[in-house]
Amino acid sequence: MSHQDFSGDYTYNFVRLDPEWNNSLKTGISSLVIGLTCTYSGTDSYGCECIESQYIDGSTGFSPFITLDYLSGNIEEISNSYASGNNWWYSLKSSVSGRIDHPIVDTTFPFPESGNPVPHPPED
């Protein structure tokens, strides 16, 4: 359970921008896949250093098709409008925040010297 008593910064980065041509003649851009990450860096409610990150992506289409030059010149507006329209800022931050005080895997657990534990399934 998260106490929501942590201190740090949330950063957002567009990490995927994959435009698709409408055909093999490349006469227009028909769609764009947009990927965004949100990363929290700071301390959890116990004062321990913490870095958590989440990723989301989606695809938007263009009708009529747009030119590659138009996409290149307006990529910031297109990407941010898509992210805002899908409420990614809130949903990513909420998802990352929910992971800050979560249980963590013990990576130092000593594996038995004999190897894997032997399973003992019930007999029929």
Protein backbone atom coordinates (compact mmCIF):
# COMPACT_ATOMS: atom_id res chain seq x y z
CA MET A 1 0.00 0.00 0.00
CA SER A 2 1.39 3.38 -0.98
CA HIS A 3 1.59 6.10 1.63
CA GLN A 4 2.03 8.77 -1.09
CA ASP A 5 4.73 10.35 1.06
CA PHE A 6 7.58 10.32 -1.41
CA SER A 7 9.72 12.97 -3.03
CA GLY A 8 11.06 13.03 -6.56
CA ASP A 9 10.53 14.06 -10.16
CA TYR A 10 8.39 12.68 -12.96
CA THR A 11 9.81 12.99 -16.47
CA TYR A 12 8.11 12.17 -19.76
CA ASN A 13 9.78 11.18 -23.02
CA PHE A 14 8.42 10.30 -26.42
CA VAL A 15 10.46 7.19 -27.19
CA ARG A 16 8.65 5.89 -30.25
CA LEU A 17 7.55 7.78 -33.35
CA ASP A 18 6.88 5.40 -36.26
CA PRO A 19 5.12 6.95 -39.26
CA GLU A 20 3.64 4.68 -41.95
CA TRP A 21 3.34 5.51 -45.62
CA ASN A 22 -0.06 4.95 -47.21
CA ASN A 23 1.40 2.85 -50.06
CA SER A 24 4.62 1.70 -51.74
CA LEU A 25 4.76 4.94 -53.75
CA LYS A 26 5.01 6.87 -50.47
CA THR A 27 2.46 9.47 -51.50
CA GLY A 28 1.41 10.34 -47.95
CA ILE A 29 1.71 9.46 -44.28
CA SER A 30 -1.39 7.52 -43.25
CA SER A 31 -0.66 6.84 -39.58
CA LEU A 32 1.77 7.37 -36.74
CA VAL A 33 2.58 5.12 -33.78
CA ILE A 34 3.46 7.22 -30.73
CA GLY A 35 5.15 5.82 -27.62
CA LEU A 36 5.62 7.68 -24.34
CA THR A 37 7.39 6.83 -21.09
CA CYS A 38 6.94 8.34 -17.66
CA THR A 39 9.79 7.88 -15.19
CA TYR A 40 9.83 8.72 -11.49
CA SER A 41 13.20 9.30 -9.87
CA GLY A 42 13.41 10.08 -6.18
CA THR A 43 12.66 8.42 -2.87
CA ASP A 44 9.80 6.21 -1.77
CA SER A 45 7.85 6.77 1.45
CA TYR A 46 10.55 4.86 3.35
CA GLY A 47 13.31 7.21 2.17
CA CYS A 48 14.85 4.64 -0.20
CA GLU A 49 16.06 5.66 -3.66
CA CYS A 50 13.56 4.63 -6.28
CA ILE A 51 13.28 4.70 -10.06
CA GLU A 52 10.06 3.50 -11.68
CA SER A 53 9.02 3.76 -15.29
CA GLN A 54 5.99 2.90 -17.42
CA TYR A 55 5.43 2.92 -21.19
CA ILE A 56 2.34 3.39 -23.32
CA ASP A 57 1.81 3.59 -27.06
CA GLY A 58 -0.95 4.05 -29.57
CA SER A 59 -1.59 4.83 -33.20
CA THR A 60 -3.27 7.80 -34.83
CA GLY A 61 -4.35 8.08 -38.45
CA PHE A 62 -4.44 10.94 -40.92
CA SER A 63 -7.29 11.51 -43.35
CA PRO A 64 -6.48 13.04 -45.69
CA PHE A 65 -2.92 11.76 -45.63
CA ILE A 66 -0.18 14.20 -44.62
CA THR A 67 3.29 14.79 -46.07
CA LEU A 68 6.46 13.73 -44.31
CA ASP A 69 7.50 17.41 -44.22
CA TYR A 70 4.25 18.35 -42.48
CA LEU A 71 4.73 15.54 -39.96
CA SER A 72 8.34 16.56 -39.29
CA GLY A 73 7.40 20.21 -38.83
CA ASN A 74 4.47 19.45 -36.53
CA ILE A 75 5.60 16.32 -34.67
CA GLU A 76 5.67 18.02 -31.27
CA GLU A 77 2.10 19.31 -31.60
CA ILE A 78 0.80 16.03 -33.06
CA SER A 79 2.47 13.89 -30.37
CA ASN A 80 1.42 16.09 -27.46
CA SER A 81 -2.14 16.45 -28.75
CA TYR A 82 -2.46 12.69 -29.10
CA ALA A 83 -1.04 12.08 -25.60
CA SER A 84 -3.33 14.72 -24.07
CA GLY A 85 -6.38 13.48 -25.94
CA ASN A 86 -5.80 10.00 -24.55
CA ASN A 87 -5.10 11.25 -21.01
CA TRP A 88 -1.64 9.67 -21.04
CA TRP A 89 -0.08 12.24 -18.69
CA TYR A 90 -2.46 11.34 -15.86
CA SER A 91 -2.67 7.60 -16.54
CA LEU A 92 1.11 7.13 -16.78
CA LYS A 93 1.81 9.21 -13.67
CA SER A 94 -0.89 7.32 -11.78
CA SER A 95 0.52 3.97 -12.91
CA VAL A 96 4.07 4.93 -11.95
CA SER A 97 2.94 6.33 -8.58
CA GLY A 98 1.18 3.06 -7.81
CA ARG A 99 4.47 1.19 -8.28
CA ILE A 100 6.60 3.31 -5.96
CA ASP A 101 5.82 1.55 -2.65
CA HIS A 102 5.12 -1.87 -4.15
CA PRO A 103 6.65 -5.18 -3.05
CA ILE A 104 10.04 -5.88 -4.60
CA VAL A 105 11.71 -9.14 -5.60
CA ASP A 106 14.54 -10.39 -3.37
CA THR A 107 17.38 -10.75 -5.88
CA THR A 108 19.77 -12.10 -3.21
CA PHE A 109 17.76 -15.20 -2.27
CA PRO A 110 20.24 -18.10 -2.13
CA PHE A 111 19.24 -20.87 -4.51
CA PRO A 112 19.56 -24.34 -2.97
CA GLU A 113 22.96 -25.92 -3.61
CA SER A 114 21.20 -29.10 -4.72
CA GLY A 115 19.56 -27.23 -7.62
CA ASN A 116 15.87 -26.79 -8.27
CA PRO A 117 13.48 -28.00 -5.59
CA VAL A 118 12.02 -31.39 -6.56
CA PRO A 119 8.27 -31.18 -7.24
CA HIS A 120 6.05 -33.68 -5.43
CA PRO A 121 2.72 -33.73 -7.28
CA PRO A 122 -0.15 -35.60 -5.63
CA GLU A 123 -0.66 -39.17 -6.75
CA ASP A 124 -3.91 -40.00 -8.51
